[in-house]
Amino acid sequence: MTKIGTFDAAEFWKNAYAHQRGKLLKKVNVPEDQILILANKKYLELPAPLRYDIETGGIQKKDLV
């Protein structure tokens, strides 16, 4: 059985600027109007299903910076 690779989103979110957070949210198909709201929240304030999609979506840090 294959282990699911995860992205350390909490650490990225803590150190990222708003435009980098926006790129991350676009990669998981968040609507544009929601990106403006969510990019300024703390990572743990994001909805749980969204955090799950971010962490298990196969996103690489090099794609965001």
Protein backbone atom coordinates (compact mmCIF):
# COMPACT_ATOMS: atom_id res chain seq x y z
CA MET A 1 0.00 0.00 0.00
CA THR A 2 1.33 3.43 -0.95
CA LYS A 3 1.79 6.04 1.71
CA ILE A 4 0.05 9.34 1.00
CA GLY A 5 2.62 12.10 0.60
CA THR A 6 1.79 15.23 2.52
CA PHE A 7 2.76 18.86 2.14
CA ASP A 8 3.82 20.74 5.29
CA ALA A 9 1.18 23.37 4.71
CA ALA A 10 1.14 24.80 8.24
CA GLU A 11 4.84 25.69 8.06
CA PHE A 12 4.49 27.08 4.53
CA TRP A 13 1.42 29.13 5.53
CA LYS A 14 3.23 30.62 8.54
CA ASN A 15 6.17 31.81 6.43
CA ALA A 16 4.36 32.72 3.18
CA TYR A 17 3.28 36.10 1.89
CA ALA A 18 -0.35 36.63 0.86
CA HIS A 19 0.35 36.17 -2.88
CA GLN A 20 2.04 32.82 -2.17
CA ARG A 21 -0.95 31.74 -0.08
CA GLY A 22 -3.18 32.79 -2.96
CA LYS A 23 -1.23 30.58 -5.37
CA LEU A 24 -1.68 27.67 -3.00
CA LEU A 25 -5.42 28.25 -2.72
CA LYS A 26 -5.74 28.50 -6.52
CA LYS A 27 -4.04 25.10 -6.86
CA VAL A 28 -6.85 23.52 -4.81
CA ASN A 29 -9.56 25.30 -6.85
CA VAL A 30 -10.76 27.86 -4.30
CA PRO A 31 -12.98 30.56 -5.90
CA GLU A 32 -11.31 33.96 -6.38
CA ASP A 33 -13.60 35.81 -3.96
CA GLN A 34 -12.82 33.27 -1.23
CA ILE A 35 -9.07 33.50 -1.81
CA LEU A 36 -9.09 37.14 -0.69
CA ILE A 37 -10.74 36.15 2.58
CA LEU A 38 -8.86 32.93 3.30
CA ALA A 39 -5.36 34.21 2.47
CA ASN A 40 -5.41 36.48 5.52
CA LYS A 41 -6.55 33.82 8.01
CA LYS A 42 -4.35 31.62 10.13
CA TYR A 43 -3.87 28.12 8.76
CA LEU A 44 -5.85 26.43 11.54
CA GLU A 45 -8.79 28.78 10.89
CA LEU A 46 -9.20 27.31 7.38
CA PRO A 47 -11.98 24.73 6.98
CA ALA A 48 -10.80 21.17 7.69
CA PRO A 49 -11.69 19.79 4.22
CA LEU A 50 -9.66 22.58 2.60
CA ARG A 51 -6.64 21.84 4.82
CA TYR A 52 -6.92 18.16 3.90
CA ASP A 53 -6.97 18.99 0.18
CA ILE A 54 -3.92 21.21 0.59
CA GLU A 55 -1.93 18.64 2.56
CA THR A 56 -2.73 15.63 0.38
CA GLY A 57 -3.12 17.28 -3.02
CA GLY A 58 0.41 16.53 -4.19
CA ILE A 59 1.46 20.18 -4.09
CA GLN A 60 5.18 20.90 -3.92
CA LYS A 61 6.70 23.96 -2.28
CA LYS A 62 8.78 24.66 -5.41
CA ASP A 63 5.52 25.17 -7.36
CA LEU A 64 4.51 28.03 -5.05
CA VAL A 65 7.66 30.13 -4.62
